[in-house]
N, C-alpha and C. Protein backbone atom coordinates (compact mmCIF):
# COMPACT_ATOMS: atom_id res chain seq x y z
N MET A 1 0.87 -1.54 0.39
CA MET A 1 0.24 -0.31 -0.27
C MET A 1 0.84 1.04 0.15
N ARG A 2 0.33 2.34 -0.68
CA ARG A 2 1.18 3.55 -0.85
C ARG A 2 0.45 4.71 -0.95
N PHE A 3 0.40 5.39 0.45
CA PHE A 3 -0.17 6.50 0.53
C PHE A 3 0.85 8.26 0.33
N VAL A 4 0.27 8.34 -0.31
CA VAL A 4 0.61 10.02 -0.47
C VAL A 4 0.17 11.29 -0.06
N LEU A 5 0.77 12.22 0.43
CA LEU A 5 0.14 13.37 1.06
C LEU A 5 0.56 14.67 0.52
N SER A 6 -0.08 15.43 0.02
CA SER A 6 0.27 16.55 -0.62
C SER A 6 0.15 18.15 0.31
N VAL A 7 0.50 18.85 0.78
CA VAL A 7 0.05 20.03 1.35
C VAL A 7 0.76 21.28 1.25
N SER A 8 0.04 22.32 0.72
CA SER A 8 0.94 23.81 0.17
C SER A 8 1.81 23.94 1.20
N ARG A 9 2.67 24.19 0.96
CA ARG A 9 3.99 24.76 1.59
C ARG A 9 3.25 26.23 2.57
N LYS A 10 2.38 26.90 2.29
CA LYS A 10 1.81 28.35 2.66
C LYS A 10 1.30 28.11 3.57
N LYS A 11 0.73 26.69 3.98
CA LYS A 11 -0.21 26.98 5.39
C LYS A 11 0.21 25.86 6.19
N LEU A 12 1.10 24.81 5.73
CA LEU A 12 1.81 23.88 6.54
C LEU A 12 2.34 24.53 8.00
N VAL A 13 2.42 24.08 8.80
CA VAL A 13 3.48 24.26 10.21
C VAL A 13 4.45 23.48 10.86
N THR A 14 3.73 22.29 11.10
CA THR A 14 4.73 21.12 11.31
C THR A 14 3.68 19.99 10.74
N LEU A 15 4.21 19.01 11.15
CA LEU A 15 4.00 17.56 10.90
C LEU A 15 4.57 16.41 12.09
N GLN A 16 3.74 15.41 12.46
CA GLN A 16 4.16 15.05 14.03
C GLN A 16 3.44 13.74 13.66
N GLU A 17 4.60 12.67 13.64
CA GLU A 17 4.14 11.33 13.56
C GLU A 17 3.65 11.28 15.06
N MET A 18 1.94 10.08 15.15
CA MET A 18 1.25 9.74 16.11
C MET A 18 1.45 8.45 16.74
N LYS A 19 3.07 8.12 16.86
CA LYS A 19 3.04 6.46 17.13
C LYS A 19 1.61 6.19 18.83
N ASP A 20 1.74 7.07 19.18
CA ASP A 20 0.53 6.40 20.64
C ASP A 20 -0.55 6.24 19.74
N ILE A 21 -1.15 6.64 18.47
CA ILE A 21 -2.03 6.25 18.67
C ILE A 21 -2.51 5.01 17.35
N GLN A 22 -1.20 4.58 16.97
CA GLN A 22 -1.15 3.02 16.56
C GLN A 22 -1.36 1.76 17.34
N SER A 23 -2.01 0.96 16.68
CA SER A 23 -2.10 -0.10 17.31
C SER A 23 -1.32 -1.47 16.74
N GLY A 24 -2.06 -2.83 17.28
CA GLY A 24 -1.68 -3.49 16.31
C GLY A 24 -1.62 -4.23 15.19
N CYS A 25 -2.27 -3.42 14.04
CA CYS A 25 -2.30 -3.42 12.65
C CYS A 25 -1.48 -2.50 11.90
N GLU A 26 -1.49 -2.69 10.66
CA GLU A 26 -0.49 -2.19 9.67
C GLU A 26 -1.07 -0.81 9.66
N ASP A 27 -1.01 -0.06 10.72
CA ASP A 27 -1.15 1.92 10.22
C ASP A 27 -0.51 2.76 11.19
N VAL A 28 -0.70 3.69 10.10
CA VAL A 28 0.32 4.72 10.91
C VAL A 28 -0.38 6.32 10.64
N TRP A 29 0.01 7.04 11.74
CA TRP A 29 -0.67 8.22 12.17
C TRP A 29 0.07 9.52 11.73
N ILE A 30 -0.30 10.64 11.19
CA ILE A 30 0.73 11.58 11.26
C ILE A 30 -0.57 13.01 11.55
N LYS A 31 0.01 14.00 12.67
CA LYS A 31 -1.09 15.38 12.70
C LYS A 31 -0.19 16.24 11.95
N ILE A 32 -0.93 17.11 11.19
CA ILE A 32 -0.76 18.12 10.40
C ILE A 32 -1.41 19.47 10.77
N ASN A 33 -0.62 20.25 11.39
CA ASN A 33 -0.84 21.63 11.84
C ASN A 33 -0.57 22.44 10.78
N LEU A 34 -1.56 23.25 10.65
CA LEU A 34 -1.93 24.05 9.53
C LEU A 34 -2.15 25.50 9.84
N PHE A 35 -1.80 26.91 9.33
CA PHE A 35 -1.77 27.78 9.65
C PHE A 35 -3.31 28.23 9.26
N GLY A 36 -3.97 28.91 9.86
CA GLY A 36 -5.26 29.70 10.05
C GLY A 36 -6.28 28.38 9.96
N SER A 37 -6.05 27.01 10.03
CA SER A 37 -7.16 25.93 10.14
C SER A 37 -6.99 25.02 11.16
N LYS A 38 -8.24 24.32 11.59
CA LYS A 38 -7.93 23.30 12.54
C LYS A 38 -7.16 21.92 11.71
N SER A 39 -6.46 21.53 12.78
CA SER A 39 -5.41 20.56 12.70
C SER A 39 -6.49 19.56 11.75
N PHE A 40 -5.32 18.70 11.34
CA PHE A 40 -5.71 17.35 10.33
C PHE A 40 -5.18 15.73 11.16
N LEU A 41 -5.73 14.84 11.49
CA LEU A 41 -4.89 13.63 11.78
C LEU A 41 -5.29 13.04 10.91
N THR A 42 -3.99 12.34 9.74
CA THR A 42 -4.39 11.49 9.00
C THR A 42 -4.13 10.25 9.02
N GLY A 43 -4.20 9.41 8.82
CA GLY A 43 -4.08 7.44 8.93
C GLY A 43 -4.21 7.01 7.63
N ALA A 44 -3.04 6.14 7.97
CA ALA A 44 -3.39 5.27 6.47
C ALA A 44 -2.74 3.61 7.41
N CYS A 45 -4.00 2.50 6.94
CA CYS A 45 -4.34 1.78 7.15
C CYS A 45 -3.92 0.32 5.79
N TYR A 46 -4.01 -0.85 6.41
CA TYR A 46 -4.20 -1.93 4.95
C TYR A 46 -4.34 -3.32 6.00
N LYS A 47 -5.45 -3.70 5.45
CA LYS A 47 -6.16 -5.02 6.06
C LYS A 47 -5.97 -5.90 5.30
N PRO A 48 -5.03 -6.82 5.76
CA PRO A 48 -4.73 -7.55 4.53
C PRO A 48 -5.70 -8.72 3.94
N HIS A 49 -6.70 -9.06 4.59
CA HIS A 49 -7.45 -10.33 4.31
C HIS A 49 -9.00 -9.70 4.59
N GLU A 50 -9.76 -10.29 3.76
CA GLU A 50 -11.57 -9.86 4.16
C GLU A 50 -11.78 -9.77 5.42
N HIS A 51 -11.84 -11.20 5.69
CA HIS A 51 -12.41 -11.73 7.15
C HIS A 51 -11.34 -11.46 8.20
N ASP A 52 -10.61 -10.30 8.49
CA ASP A 52 -9.93 -10.23 9.11
C ASP A 52 -9.94 -9.50 10.28
N GLN A 53 -10.21 -10.31 11.18
CA GLN A 53 -11.26 -9.59 12.27
C GLN A 53 -10.02 -9.10 13.77
N HIS A 54 -8.94 -9.63 13.66
CA HIS A 54 -7.76 -8.84 14.28
C HIS A 54 -7.67 -7.87 14.07
N SER A 55 -7.13 -7.50 12.80
CA SER A 55 -6.92 -6.03 11.94
C SER A 55 -7.79 -5.45 12.38
N TRP A 56 -8.88 -5.65 11.93
CA TRP A 56 -10.01 -4.73 12.13
C TRP A 56 -10.44 -4.03 13.90
N GLU A 57 -10.28 -4.97 14.66
CA GLU A 57 -10.54 -4.97 15.96
C GLU A 57 -9.07 -3.88 16.44
N GLU A 58 -8.12 -4.32 16.06
CA GLU A 58 -7.04 -3.27 16.34
C GLU A 58 -7.30 -1.79 15.99
N PHE A 59 -7.17 -1.77 14.59
CA PHE A 59 -8.12 -0.44 13.97
C PHE A 59 -8.82 0.34 14.50
N SER A 60 -9.64 -0.23 15.09
CA SER A 60 -11.23 -0.10 15.85
C SER A 60 -10.20 0.82 17.53
N LYS A 61 -9.47 0.52 17.57
CA LYS A 61 -8.49 1.24 19.03
C LYS A 61 -8.20 2.47 18.76
N SER A 62 -7.35 2.11 17.18
CA SER A 62 -7.03 3.47 17.16
C SER A 62 -7.85 4.60 16.70
N LEU A 63 -8.84 4.31 15.47
CA LEU A 63 -9.76 5.13 15.38
C LEU A 63 -10.57 5.75 16.84
N SER A 64 -10.62 5.02 17.51
CA SER A 64 -11.02 5.23 19.22
C SER A 64 -9.93 6.41 19.94
N LYS A 65 -8.65 6.59 19.41
CA LYS A 65 -7.50 6.78 20.36
C LYS A 65 -8.09 8.28 19.51
N ALA A 66 -8.15 8.23 18.08
CA ALA A 66 -7.99 9.59 17.24
C ALA A 66 -9.39 10.09 17.53
N SER A 67 -10.13 9.66 17.78
CA SER A 67 -11.71 10.51 18.00
C SER A 67 -11.36 11.56 19.64
N LYS A 68 -10.61 11.12 20.19
CA LYS A 68 -10.21 12.04 21.08
C LYS A 68 -9.76 13.25 21.64
N LEU A 69 -9.10 13.41 19.99
CA LEU A 69 -8.62 14.54 19.67
C LEU A 69 -9.37 15.27 18.82
N ASN A 70 -8.72 16.80 19.34
CA ASN A 70 -9.66 18.02 18.41
C ASN A 70 -9.13 18.08 17.36
N SER A 71 -9.35 17.16 15.93
CA SER A 71 -8.80 17.45 14.69
C SER A 71 -9.74 16.50 13.77
N ASN A 72 -9.70 17.34 12.42
CA ASN A 72 -9.98 17.00 11.40
C ASN A 72 -9.41 15.40 11.32
N ILE A 73 -10.36 14.16 10.82
CA ILE A 73 -9.61 13.14 10.44
C ILE A 73 -9.52 12.66 9.32
N TRP A 74 -8.75 12.09 8.35
CA TRP A 74 -8.22 11.43 7.32
C TRP A 74 -8.10 10.19 7.68
N VAL A 75 -8.70 8.95 7.01
CA VAL A 75 -8.09 7.70 6.68
C VAL A 75 -8.18 7.33 5.54
N ALA A 76 -6.69 6.75 5.36
CA ALA A 76 -6.88 5.97 3.82
C ALA A 76 -6.09 4.47 3.71
N GLY A 77 -6.63 3.56 2.84
CA GLY A 77 -6.16 2.38 2.65
C GLY A 77 -6.83 1.15 2.00
N ASP A 78 -6.08 0.01 2.23
CA ASP A 78 -6.71 -0.92 1.62
C ASP A 78 -7.15 -1.51 2.61
N PHE A 79 -8.71 -1.63 2.57
CA PHE A 79 -9.54 -2.64 3.74
C PHE A 79 -9.62 -3.65 3.21
N ASN A 80 -9.97 -4.10 1.62
CA ASN A 80 -10.52 -5.43 1.35
C ASN A 80 -11.79 -5.71 1.71
N LEU A 81 -12.67 -5.01 1.87
CA LEU A 81 -14.20 -5.15 1.97
C LEU A 81 -14.85 -5.29 0.43
N PRO A 82 -14.65 -6.62 -0.26
CA PRO A 82 -15.07 -6.51 -1.72
C PRO A 82 -16.63 -6.46 -1.52
N LYS A 83 -17.32 -6.97 -0.66
CA LYS A 83 -18.84 -7.14 -0.28
C LYS A 83 -19.47 -6.13 0.37
N MET A 84 -18.67 -4.67 0.41
CA MET A 84 -19.84 -3.87 1.16
C MET A 84 -20.25 -3.06 0.15
N ASP A 85 -22.07 -2.79 0.33
CA ASP A 85 -22.27 -1.98 -0.07
C ASP A 85 -22.30 -0.36 0.19
N TRP A 86 -21.27 0.50 -0.45
CA TRP A 86 -21.09 1.93 0.50
C TRP A 86 -22.28 2.68 0.52
N ASP A 87 -23.32 2.43 -0.51
CA ASP A 87 -24.07 3.36 -1.08
C ASP A 87 -25.39 3.08 0.06
N HIS A 88 -25.48 2.29 0.39
CA HIS A 88 -26.64 1.58 1.73
C HIS A 88 -25.96 1.41 3.02
N LEU A 89 -24.50 1.53 3.07
CA LEU A 89 -23.67 0.99 4.00
C LEU A 89 -24.12 -0.82 4.85
N CYS A 90 -23.88 -1.53 3.56
CA CYS A 90 -24.57 -2.55 4.46
C CYS A 90 -24.09 -3.51 3.56
N PRO A 91 -23.65 -4.89 4.05
CA PRO A 91 -22.92 -6.03 3.44
C PRO A 91 -23.97 -6.75 2.08
N SER A 92 -23.19 -6.89 1.26
CA SER A 92 -24.24 -7.03 -0.26
C SER A 92 -24.64 -8.58 -0.08
N PRO A 93 -25.81 -8.98 -1.09
CA PRO A 93 -26.50 -10.12 -0.64
C PRO A 93 -25.85 -11.46 -0.54
N ASP A 94 -24.29 -11.38 -1.36
CA ASP A 94 -23.68 -12.59 -1.25
C ASP A 94 -22.70 -12.19 -0.68
N CYS A 95 -22.51 -11.56 0.21
CA CYS A 95 -21.46 -11.51 1.18
C CYS A 95 -21.41 -12.34 2.11
N LYS A 96 -20.16 -13.34 2.91
CA LYS A 96 -19.70 -14.44 3.31
C LYS A 96 -19.80 -14.33 4.56
N HIS A 97 -19.60 -13.14 4.93
CA HIS A 97 -19.05 -12.69 6.41
C HIS A 97 -20.05 -11.31 6.79
N PRO A 98 -21.71 -11.41 7.04
CA PRO A 98 -22.35 -10.30 7.01
C PRO A 98 -22.00 -10.16 8.23
N SER A 99 -21.92 -10.41 9.58
CA SER A 99 -22.02 -10.11 10.70
C SER A 99 -20.74 -9.36 10.87
N PHE A 100 -19.26 -9.61 10.24
CA PHE A 100 -18.17 -9.44 10.46
C PHE A 100 -18.49 -7.77 10.08
N TYR A 101 -19.13 -7.67 8.73
CA TYR A 101 -19.61 -6.35 7.70
C TYR A 101 -20.32 -5.48 8.87
N ARG A 102 -21.46 -5.80 9.35
CA ARG A 102 -22.14 -5.13 10.37
C ARG A 102 -21.57 -4.47 11.02
N GLN A 103 -20.43 -5.04 11.59
CA GLN A 103 -19.55 -4.87 13.53
C GLN A 103 -18.73 -3.29 12.26
N ILE A 104 -18.27 -3.64 11.30
CA ILE A 104 -17.67 -2.53 10.26
C ILE A 104 -18.24 -1.03 10.48
N THR A 105 -19.75 -1.49 9.74
CA THR A 105 -20.71 0.06 9.97
C THR A 105 -21.01 0.39 11.10
N GLU A 106 -21.00 -0.50 12.44
CA GLU A 106 -21.13 0.26 13.68
C GLU A 106 -20.40 1.02 14.17
N VAL A 107 -19.25 0.65 13.73
CA VAL A 107 -17.85 1.34 14.09
C VAL A 107 -17.90 2.62 13.57
N LEU A 108 -17.89 2.53 12.19
CA LEU A 108 -17.96 3.71 11.42
C LEU A 108 -19.20 5.02 11.79
N ASN A 109 -20.10 4.39 11.93
CA ASN A 109 -21.26 5.08 12.37
C ASN A 109 -21.17 5.57 13.72
N ASP A 110 -20.84 5.06 14.76
CA ASP A 110 -20.35 5.60 15.96
C ASP A 110 -19.42 6.40 16.22
N SER A 111 -18.30 6.50 15.20
CA SER A 111 -16.94 7.00 15.05
C SER A 111 -17.50 8.26 14.29
N ASN A 112 -18.25 8.78 13.58
CA ASN A 112 -19.08 9.29 12.52
C ASN A 112 -18.05 9.72 11.59
N ARG A 113 -17.91 8.51 11.02
CA ARG A 113 -16.99 8.67 9.52
C ARG A 113 -17.62 8.25 8.64
N THR A 114 -17.47 9.26 7.76
CA THR A 114 -17.63 8.80 6.46
C THR A 114 -16.91 8.37 5.12
N GLN A 115 -17.26 7.22 4.23
CA GLN A 115 -16.49 6.72 3.04
C GLN A 115 -16.70 7.50 1.81
N THR A 116 -15.72 8.01 1.34
CA THR A 116 -16.38 8.91 -0.32
C THR A 116 -15.82 8.13 -1.14
N VAL A 117 -15.28 7.24 -1.01
CA VAL A 117 -14.75 6.94 -2.75
C VAL A 117 -16.15 5.76 -3.07
N SER A 118 -16.29 6.02 -4.00
CA SER A 118 -18.06 5.22 -4.46
C SER A 118 -17.25 4.05 -6.20
N LEU A 119 -16.33 4.74 -6.64
CA LEU A 119 -15.98 3.91 -7.75
C LEU A 119 -15.06 2.66 -7.53
N PRO A 120 -15.28 1.68 -8.21
CA PRO A 120 -14.14 0.28 -8.34
C PRO A 120 -12.91 0.84 -8.23
N THR A 121 -12.19 0.13 -6.95
CA THR A 121 -10.45 0.56 -7.08
C THR A 121 -9.70 -0.78 -7.79
N CYS A 122 -10.15 -2.03 -7.51
CA CYS A 122 -9.70 -2.89 -8.06
C CYS A 122 -10.73 -4.20 -8.63
N ASP A 123 -10.69 -4.34 -9.69
CA ASP A 123 -11.45 -4.69 -10.71
C ASP A 123 -12.90 -4.11 -10.86
N SER A 124 -13.82 -5.07 -9.72
CA SER A 124 -15.45 -4.44 -10.06
C SER A 124 -15.55 -3.83 -8.35
N ASN A 125 -14.24 -3.80 -7.91
CA ASN A 125 -14.83 -3.59 -5.97
C ASN A 125 -14.30 -2.42 -5.72
N ILE A 126 -14.75 -1.89 -4.49
CA ILE A 126 -14.28 -0.80 -4.16
C ILE A 126 -13.58 -1.13 -2.67
N LEU A 127 -12.26 -1.04 -3.12
CA LEU A 127 -11.20 -1.86 -2.07
C LEU A 127 -10.29 -0.92 -1.14
N ASP A 128 -10.37 0.26 -1.95
CA ASP A 128 -8.93 1.65 -1.49
C ASP A 128 -10.18 2.54 -0.71
N LEU A 129 -10.04 2.54 0.28
CA LEU A 129 -11.08 3.84 0.89
C LEU A 129 -10.49 5.12 1.75
N PHE A 130 -11.26 5.78 1.84
CA PHE A 130 -10.75 7.35 2.49
C PHE A 130 -12.04 7.77 2.98
N PHE A 131 -11.91 7.85 4.70
CA PHE A 131 -12.93 8.15 5.58
C PHE A 131 -12.41 9.92 5.97
N THR A 132 -13.30 10.67 6.02
CA THR A 132 -13.24 11.52 7.02
C THR A 132 -14.21 12.03 7.93
N THR A 133 -13.97 12.64 9.23
CA THR A 133 -15.29 13.16 9.97
C THR A 133 -15.85 14.18 9.01
N ASN A 134 -15.31 14.89 8.19
CA ASN A 134 -16.16 16.40 7.63
C ASN A 134 -16.13 16.24 5.99
N PRO A 135 -16.94 15.33 6.04
CA PRO A 135 -17.01 15.53 4.26
C PRO A 135 -17.48 16.35 3.41
N THR A 136 -17.91 17.82 4.12
CA THR A 136 -18.25 18.61 3.14
C THR A 136 -16.86 19.10 2.72
N LEU A 137 -15.55 19.08 3.45
CA LEU A 137 -14.23 19.51 2.92
C LEU A 137 -13.95 19.05 1.79
N VAL A 138 -14.42 17.89 1.64
CA VAL A 138 -13.92 16.62 0.12
C VAL A 138 -14.26 17.23 -1.36
N GLN A 139 -13.46 17.92 -1.97
CA GLN A 139 -13.89 18.64 -3.04
C GLN A 139 -13.97 17.87 -4.17
N ARG A 140 -13.14 16.79 -4.38
CA ARG A 140 -13.33 16.08 -5.38
C ARG A 140 -12.31 14.45 -5.00
N VAL A 141 -13.21 13.28 -5.49
CA VAL A 141 -12.26 12.31 -5.63
C VAL A 141 -12.30 11.49 -6.96
N SER A 142 -10.70 11.30 -7.38
CA SER A 142 -10.99 10.74 -8.67
C SER A 142 -10.15 9.15 -8.92
N ILE A 143 -10.65 8.46 -9.86
CA ILE A 143 -9.86 7.15 -9.74
C ILE A 143 -9.27 7.27 -10.86
N LEU A 144 -7.66 7.05 -11.00
CA LEU A 144 -6.81 6.93 -11.83
C LEU A 144 -6.04 5.69 -12.07
N LEU A 145 -5.75 5.88 -13.28
CA LEU A 145 -4.92 4.30 -13.91
C LEU A 145 -3.77 4.08 -12.64
N GLY A 146 -3.49 2.82 -12.35
CA GLY A 146 -2.32 2.42 -11.37
C GLY A 146 -1.39 1.45 -12.15
N ILE A 147 -0.26 1.17 -11.51
CA ILE A 147 0.64 0.50 -12.10
C ILE A 147 0.65 -0.76 -11.46
N SER A 148 -0.47 -1.45 -10.35
CA SER A 148 -0.58 -2.65 -10.03
C SER A 148 -2.10 -3.14 -10.79
N ASP A 149 -2.61 -4.04 -9.84
CA ASP A 149 -3.71 -4.12 -10.23
C ASP A 149 -5.16 -3.67 -9.31
N HIS A 150 -4.66 -2.57 -8.46
CA HIS A 150 -5.08 -1.51 -7.60
C HIS A 150 -5.25 -0.19 -8.30
N ALA A 151 -5.82 0.85 -8.64
CA ALA A 151 -6.30 2.05 -9.23
C ALA A 151 -5.76 2.90 -7.87
N ILE A 152 -5.22 4.29 -8.71
CA ILE A 152 -4.87 5.32 -7.70
C ILE A 152 -6.22 6.25 -7.47
N VAL A 153 -5.93 6.03 -6.02
CA VAL A 153 -7.39 7.17 -5.81
C VAL A 153 -6.74 8.84 -5.32
N GLN A 154 -7.47 9.51 -6.03
CA GLN A 154 -6.89 10.87 -5.97
C GLN A 154 -8.04 11.20 -4.71
N ILE A 155 -7.62 12.11 -3.85
CA ILE A 155 -8.54 12.69 -3.04
C ILE A 155 -8.34 14.17 -3.17
N ARG A 156 -9.15 15.50 -3.25
CA ARG A 156 -8.57 16.81 -3.22
C ARG A 156 -10.09 17.29 -2.03
N VAL A 157 -9.18 17.75 -1.62
CA VAL A 157 -9.81 17.88 0.18
C VAL A 157 -9.36 20.02 0.74
N ASN A 158 -10.42 20.43 1.11
CA ASN A 158 -10.10 21.92 1.40
C ASN A 158 -9.79 21.41 3.27
N THR A 159 -9.26 22.37 3.16
CA THR A 159 -8.46 22.58 4.48
C THR A 159 -9.13 22.85 5.58
N SER A 160 -10.65 23.68 5.12
CA SER A 160 -11.29 24.54 5.71
C SER A 160 -12.08 24.78 4.76
N ALA A 161 -13.33 25.09 5.55
CA ALA A 161 -14.88 25.36 5.19
C ALA A 161 -14.88 26.92 4.06
N LYS A 162 -15.30 26.92 2.88
CA LYS A 162 -15.41 27.86 2.03
C LYS A 162 -16.79 28.68 2.85
N ILE A 163 -16.52 29.91 2.65
CA ILE A 163 -17.52 30.91 3.27
C ILE A 163 -18.21 31.68 2.10
N LEU A 164 -19.47 31.31 1.68
CA LEU A 164 -20.25 31.71 0.70
C LEU A 164 -20.94 33.25 1.00
N PHE A 165 -20.28 34.42 0.63
CA PHE A 165 -20.77 35.77 0.93
C PHE A 165 -21.92 35.89 0.02
N GLN A 166 -22.78 36.39 0.53
CA GLN A 166 -24.17 36.93 -0.39
C GLN A 166 -23.95 38.21 -1.12
N LYS A 167 -24.39 38.59 -2.15
CA LYS A 167 -24.00 39.42 -3.18
C LYS A 167 -24.93 40.81 -2.76
N PRO A 168 -24.79 41.82 -2.64
CA PRO A 168 -25.22 42.82 -1.90
C PRO A 168 -26.37 43.53 -2.29
N ARG A 169 -27.72 43.60 -1.78
CA ARG A 169 -28.83 43.77 -1.84
C ARG A 169 -29.91 44.97 -1.50
N SER A 170 -30.44 45.74 -2.39
CA SER A 170 -30.62 46.59 -1.67
C SER A 170 -31.96 46.88 -0.37
N ILE A 171 -31.93 47.43 0.35
CA ILE A 171 -33.02 47.48 1.56
C ILE A 171 -33.24 48.40 1.65
N SER A 172 -35.03 48.36 1.40
CA SER A 172 -35.58 49.52 1.54
C SER A 172 -35.72 50.45 3.23
N PRO A 173 -35.70 51.47 3.34
CA PRO A 173 -35.82 52.10 4.69
C PRO A 173 -36.98 52.19 4.81
N TYR A 174 -38.19 50.75 5.97
CA TYR A 174 -39.14 51.09 5.79
C TYR A 174 -39.65 52.43 6.76
N LYS A 175 -38.42 52.50 7.52
CA LYS A 175 -39.16 53.45 8.67
C LYS A 175 -39.62 55.01 8.31
N LYS A 176 -39.17 55.12 7.27
CA LYS A 176 -39.15 55.97 6.42
C LYS A 176 -39.92 56.29 5.01
N ALA A 177 -41.21 55.19 5.55
CA ALA A 177 -42.00 54.87 4.75
C ALA A 177 -43.31 55.80 4.40
N ASN A 178 -44.28 56.13 3.56
CA ASN A 178 -45.35 57.13 4.08
C ASN A 178 -46.74 56.11 4.29
N TRP A 179 -46.35 55.84 5.60
CA TRP A 179 -47.37 54.73 5.94
C TRP A 179 -48.84 55.34 5.57
N ASP A 180 -49.29 56.35 5.85
CA ASP A 180 -50.39 57.27 5.60
C ASP A 180 -50.80 56.73 4.16
N GLY A 181 -50.18 57.19 3.10
CA GLY A 181 -50.54 57.42 2.02
C GLY A 181 -50.71 56.29 1.55
N MET A 182 -50.08 54.82 2.09
CA MET A 182 -50.38 53.48 1.48
C MET A 182 -51.56 53.18 1.81
N ASN A 183 -52.09 53.76 3.02
CA ASN A 183 -52.95 53.13 3.70
C ASN A 183 -54.26 53.82 2.86
N GLN A 184 -54.39 54.99 2.50
CA GLN A 184 -55.30 55.81 1.83
C GLN A 184 -55.14 54.96 0.23
N THR A 185 -54.31 54.69 -0.16
CA THR A 185 -53.82 54.35 -1.35
C THR A 185 -54.77 53.03 -1.82
N LEU A 186 -54.48 51.98 -0.48
CA LEU A 186 -55.45 50.93 -0.19
C LEU A 186 -56.67 50.60 -0.22
N GLU A 187 -57.04 51.59 0.58
CA GLU A 187 -58.83 52.21 0.93
C GLU A 187 -59.09 52.58 -0.26
N ALA A 188 -58.42 53.02 -1.11
CA ALA A 188 -58.82 53.63 -2.29
C ALA A 188 -59.60 52.56 -3.84
N TYR A 189 -58.35 51.63 -3.40
CA TYR A 189 -58.08 50.41 -4.29
C TYR A 189 -59.30 49.49 -3.84
N HIS A 190 -59.61 49.74 -2.31
CA HIS A 190 -60.51 48.63 -2.00
C HIS A 190 -62.03 49.02 -2.12
N GLN A 191 -61.95 50.39 -2.70
CA GLN A 191 -63.68 50.48 -2.65
C GLN A 191 -63.75 51.07 -4.63
N ASP A 192 -63.06 50.99 -4.99
CA ASP A 192 -63.13 50.78 -6.69
C ASP A 192 -63.38 48.97 -6.98
N MET A 193 -62.79 48.53 -5.95
CA MET A 193 -62.93 46.70 -6.52
C MET A 193 -64.57 46.86 -6.00
N LEU A 194 -64.75 47.52 -4.85
CA LEU A 194 -66.53 46.83 -4.61
C LEU A 194 -67.27 47.36 -5.19
N VAL A 195 -67.19 48.66 -5.88
CA VAL A 195 -67.80 49.29 -7.08
C VAL A 195 -67.96 48.54 -8.41
N MET A 196 -66.54 48.01 -8.51
CA MET A 196 -66.79 47.20 -10.15
C MET A 196 -67.27 46.00 -9.83
N SER A 197 -67.20 45.63 -9.01
CA SER A 197 -67.80 43.61 -8.53
C SER A 197 -69.41 44.21 -8.44
N ILE A 198 -69.95 45.20 -7.99
CA ILE A 198 -71.21 45.95 -8.27
C ILE A 198 -71.76 45.76 -9.15
N GLN A 199 -71.41 46.32 -9.94
CA GLN A 199 -71.44 46.74 -11.73
C GLN A 199 -71.74 45.35 -12.43
N ILE A 200 -70.43 44.45 -12.34
CA ILE A 200 -70.60 43.38 -12.43
C ILE A 200 -71.91 42.80 -12.41
N SER A 201 -72.24 42.81 -11.27
CA SER A 201 -73.26 41.95 -10.58
C SER A 201 -74.87 42.44 -11.36
N ILE A 202 -74.62 43.85 -11.30
CA ILE A 202 -75.57 44.31 -12.16
C ILE A 202 -76.16 43.89 -13.37
N GLU A 203 -75.16 43.86 -14.32
CA GLU A 203 -74.93 43.29 -15.40
C GLU A 203 -75.12 42.06 -15.62
N ARG A 204 -75.02 40.98 -14.97
CA ARG A 204 -75.66 39.63 -14.72
C ARG A 204 -76.70 39.25 -14.86
N ILE A 205 -77.26 39.90 -13.84
CA ILE A 205 -78.53 40.15 -13.51
C ILE A 205 -79.47 40.58 -14.79
N SER A 206 -79.45 41.73 -15.35
CA SER A 206 -79.88 42.06 -16.42
C SER A 206 -79.71 41.37 -17.78
N SER A 207 -78.89 40.44 -17.72
CA SER A 207 -78.40 39.38 -18.80
C SER A 207 -79.40 38.38 -18.54
N CYS A 208 -79.36 38.27 -16.96
CA CYS A 208 -80.26 36.77 -17.12
C CYS A 208 -81.64 37.28 -17.38
N ASP A 209 -82.00 38.43 -16.81
CA ASP A 209 -83.88 39.01 -16.94
C ASP A 209 -83.87 39.30 -18.63
N GLY A 210 -82.93 39.43 -19.33
CA GLY A 210 -83.00 39.58 -21.06
C GLY A 210 -83.27 41.21 -21.20
N THR A 211 -83.07 41.75 -20.01
CA THR A 211 -83.62 43.82 -20.24
C THR A 211 -82.19 43.84 -20.40
C-alpha cells in the first residue's frame, strides 16, 4: 500500500508522527498542523484479508484514540471489503461474512466516519477507501490508472470550509415609508373593487332577465 499526501507549504506549520495512536495492525498516523485551520489527523491502514477480525479490532482501537483529539480526521487505505455496499452502508446479499461487515458499519457510524470513494479501485470492487469526519471538505474524488491491479485514488480536500458571501442587495428604509399614503391608496383600491363587483353583478342580473 502506498499513501501520498501533498500539502501547500503556505499553510503547513508542522508534521508530527502520532505513534501513540497506532495499534496492533498495519497503520500509521500523522498530525498536520496548518496555519489558520483546524489540525488534521491523517491515518493510513492496510487490512490484509477480507475477514480479518484481529486487524479490524486493532484499527478500531486506533480510531477510538484518534477521536479523542480535537482534529479533523482522514483515513485512507486498502481495507479489503469487496462485499460492502457503500451506498447503503451494508453487506451485499452474496457476502459470506455479514456479521463482520455489520461490525464495521457500526464502528464507522459510532465514530462519525464517512466513506467517500464510490467507484471501483480493483476490478469491480471498492477496496481502497477514504474516511473522513468532515465530508463537506472533500472537493473531488478521482480514480486514476495505477501501476498494479489497484487503481490510484486521488482525493482533493479543502483544509477549511469556504464561506459563501451573499451579493449586496438593496434594503428599503421601511421606517421612512409614507404609511398614511399607502393606507389611503389601499382603501381607494378597495372601494374601486367594490364598485366594480357591484356593476358586474348588476350586468349579470340584467342579462339573465333579458333586459
